[in-house]
Amino acid sequence: MIRPLVEDAVELQDLGQAVYNEIDRISWQQSVDEAVSLYVATLRMPTNLFERLSERLEEVERKLSKSQIAKRRQSDPVSAWRTISSSFR
């Protein structure tokens, strides 16, 4: 009746020693640095996302304004001529 408990205790001691050895080998400073890097990257991620989104929206706005100017020039040749001639002044 006691034999299985003793065998389990010896096995648990061996497992515990292996865990202790693994923990002893961990570079805690490296783990802390990795955790800080991950935290900073997580905080910066939304900022980077919104910065890229803002740049993309500005690009779309420029393209839209160029196409609207082109449409106006096609529909009104006089204003197109004025716009072109004013650029040479």
C-alpha atoms as a PDB file:
ATOM      1  CA  MET A   1       0.000   0.000   0.000  1.00  0.00           C
ATOM      2  CA  ILE A   2       2.821   2.442   0.771  1.00  0.00           C
ATOM      3  CA  ARG A   3       5.057   1.272  -2.097  1.00  0.00           C
ATOM      4  CA  PRO A   4       3.124   3.242  -4.858  1.00  0.00           C
ATOM      5  CA  LEU A   5       3.260   6.384  -2.725  1.00  0.00           C
ATOM      6  CA  VAL A   6       7.033   6.068  -2.267  1.00  0.00           C
ATOM      7  CA  GLU A   7       7.533   5.417  -5.981  1.00  0.00           C
ATOM      8  CA  ASP A   8       5.388   8.456  -6.800  1.00  0.00           C
ATOM      9  CA  ALA A   9       7.344  10.563  -4.315  1.00  0.00           C
ATOM     10  CA  VAL A  10      10.654   9.565  -5.923  1.00  0.00           C
ATOM     11  CA  GLU A  11       9.269  10.339  -9.381  1.00  0.00           C
ATOM     12  CA  LEU A  12       7.942  13.699  -8.179  1.00  0.00           C
ATOM     13  CA  GLN A  13      11.340  14.482  -6.674  1.00  0.00           C
ATOM     14  CA  ASP A  14      13.051  13.721  -9.994  1.00  0.00           C
ATOM     15  CA  LEU A  15      10.546  15.889 -11.886  1.00  0.00           C
ATOM     16  CA  GLY A  16      10.937  18.661  -9.336  1.00  0.00           C
ATOM     17  CA  GLN A  17      14.725  18.542  -9.704  1.00  0.00           C
ATOM     18  CA  ALA A  18      14.418  18.772 -13.501  1.00  0.00           C
ATOM     19  CA  VAL A  19      12.104  21.778 -13.169  1.00  0.00           C
ATOM     20  CA  TYR A  20      14.490  23.427 -10.709  1.00  0.00           C
ATOM     21  CA  ASN A  21      17.405  22.910 -13.136  1.00  0.00           C
ATOM     22  CA  GLU A  22      15.409  24.441 -16.029  1.00  0.00           C
ATOM     23  CA  ILE A  23      14.411  27.441 -13.938  1.00  0.00           C
ATOM     24  CA  ASP A  24      18.012  27.895 -12.850  1.00  0.00           C
ATOM     25  CA  ARG A  25      19.106  28.108 -16.518  1.00  0.00           C
ATOM     26  CA  ILE A  26      16.614  30.829 -17.456  1.00  0.00           C
ATOM     27  CA  SER A  27      18.120  34.221 -18.235  1.00  0.00           C
ATOM     28  CA  TRP A  28      15.726  36.417 -16.289  1.00  0.00           C
ATOM     29  CA  GLN A  29      17.150  39.655 -17.650  1.00  0.00           C
ATOM     30  CA  GLN A  30      16.577  38.452 -21.214  1.00  0.00           C
ATOM     31  CA  SER A  31      13.020  37.451 -20.288  1.00  0.00           C
ATOM     32  CA  VAL A  32      12.378  40.883 -18.807  1.00  0.00           C
ATOM     33  CA  ASP A  33      13.781  42.578 -21.930  1.00  0.00           C
ATOM     34  CA  GLU A  34      11.570  40.450 -24.165  1.00  0.00           C
ATOM     35  CA  ALA A  35       8.505  41.252 -22.065  1.00  0.00           C
ATOM     36  CA  VAL A  36       9.231  44.993 -22.225  1.00  0.00           C
ATOM     37  CA  SER A  37       9.812  44.834 -25.992  1.00  0.00           C
ATOM     38  CA  LEU A  38       6.543  42.983 -26.487  1.00  0.00           C
ATOM     39  CA  TYR A  39       4.671  45.489 -24.299  1.00  0.00           C
ATOM     40  CA  VAL A  40       6.117  48.471 -26.174  1.00  0.00           C
ATOM     41  CA  ALA A  41       5.351  46.891 -29.550  1.00  0.00           C
ATOM     42  CA  THR A  42       1.780  46.203 -28.418  1.00  0.00           C
ATOM     43  CA  LEU A  43       1.333  49.824 -27.358  1.00  0.00           C
ATOM     44  CA  ARG A  44       2.866  51.151 -30.576  1.00  0.00           C
ATOM     45  CA  MET A  45       0.851  48.879 -32.851  1.00  0.00           C
ATOM     46  CA  PRO A  46      -2.358  50.973 -32.840  1.00  0.00           C
ATOM     47  CA  THR A  47      -0.322  54.151 -33.310  1.00  0.00           C
ATOM     48  CA  ASN A  48       1.486  52.677 -36.313  1.00  0.00           C
ATOM     49  CA  LEU A  49      -1.792  51.426 -37.717  1.00  0.00           C
ATOM     50  CA  PHE A  50      -3.422  54.848 -37.468  1.00  0.00           C
ATOM     51  CA  GLU A  51      -0.334  56.572 -38.907  1.00  0.00           C
ATOM     52  CA  ARG A  52      -0.415  54.302 -41.960  1.00  0.00           C
ATOM     53  CA  LEU A  53      -4.162  54.763 -42.270  1.00  0.00           C
ATOM     54  CA  SER A  54      -3.751  58.541 -42.168  1.00  0.00           C
ATOM     55  CA  GLU A  55      -1.079  58.421 -44.872  1.00  0.00           C
ATOM     56  CA  ARG A  56      -3.266  56.216 -47.031  1.00  0.00           C
ATOM     57  CA  LEU A  57      -6.277  58.524 -46.600  1.00  0.00           C
ATOM     58  CA  GLU A  58      -4.158  61.530 -47.592  1.00  0.00           C
ATOM     59  CA  GLU A  59      -3.035  59.664 -50.699  1.00  0.00           C
ATOM     60  CA  VAL A  60      -6.632  58.837 -51.620  1.00  0.00           C
ATOM     61  CA  GLU A  61      -7.664  62.453 -51.021  1.00  0.00           C
ATOM     62  CA  ARG A  62      -4.887  63.677 -53.360  1.00  0.00           C
ATOM     63  CA  LYS A  63      -5.971  61.239 -56.071  1.00  0.00           C
ATOM     64  CA  LEU A  64      -9.604  62.281 -55.706  1.00  0.00           C
ATOM     65  CA  SER A  65      -8.778  65.976 -55.903  1.00  0.00           C
ATOM     66  CA  LYS A  66      -6.645  65.373 -59.016  1.00  0.00           C
ATOM     67  CA  SER A  67      -9.477  63.456 -60.698  1.00  0.00           C
ATOM     68  CA  GLN A  68     -11.973  66.192 -59.786  1.00  0.00           C
ATOM     69  CA  ILE A  69      -9.668  68.826 -61.278  1.00  0.00           C
ATOM     70  CA  ALA A  70      -9.312  66.731 -64.422  1.00  0.00           C
ATOM     71  CA  LYS A  71     -13.099  66.368 -64.705  1.00  0.00           C
ATOM     72  CA  ARG A  72     -13.551  70.122 -64.314  1.00  0.00           C
ATOM     73  CA  ARG A  73     -10.987  70.771 -67.023  1.00  0.00           C
ATOM     74  CA  GLN A  74     -12.765  68.422 -69.391  1.00  0.00           C
ATOM     75  CA  SER A  75     -16.150  70.002 -68.721  1.00  0.00           C
ATOM     76  CA  ASP A  76     -14.990  73.640 -68.859  1.00  0.00           C
ATOM     77  CA  PRO A  77     -12.138  74.301 -71.317  1.00  0.00           C
ATOM     78  CA  VAL A  78     -12.001  78.038 -70.479  1.00  0.00           C
ATOM     79  CA  SER A  79     -11.234  77.422 -66.804  1.00  0.00           C
ATOM     80  CA  ALA A  80      -8.767  74.759 -67.830  1.00  0.00           C
ATOM     81  CA  TRP A  81      -7.000  77.300 -70.036  1.00  0.00           C
ATOM     82  CA  ARG A  82      -6.936  79.793 -67.151  1.00  0.00           C
ATOM     83  CA  THR A  83      -5.471  77.193 -64.841  1.00  0.00           C
ATOM     84  CA  ILE A  84      -2.791  76.259 -67.352  1.00  0.00           C
ATOM     85  CA  SER A  85      -1.961  79.869 -68.247  1.00  0.00           C
ATOM     86  CA  SER A  86      -1.761  80.891 -64.573  1.00  0.00           C
ATOM     87  CA  SER A  87       0.851  78.221 -63.952  1.00  0.00           C
ATOM     88  CA  PHE A  88       3.211  79.934 -66.462  1.00  0.00           C
ATOM     89  CA  ARG A  89       3.157  83.276 -64.650  1.00  0.00           C
END
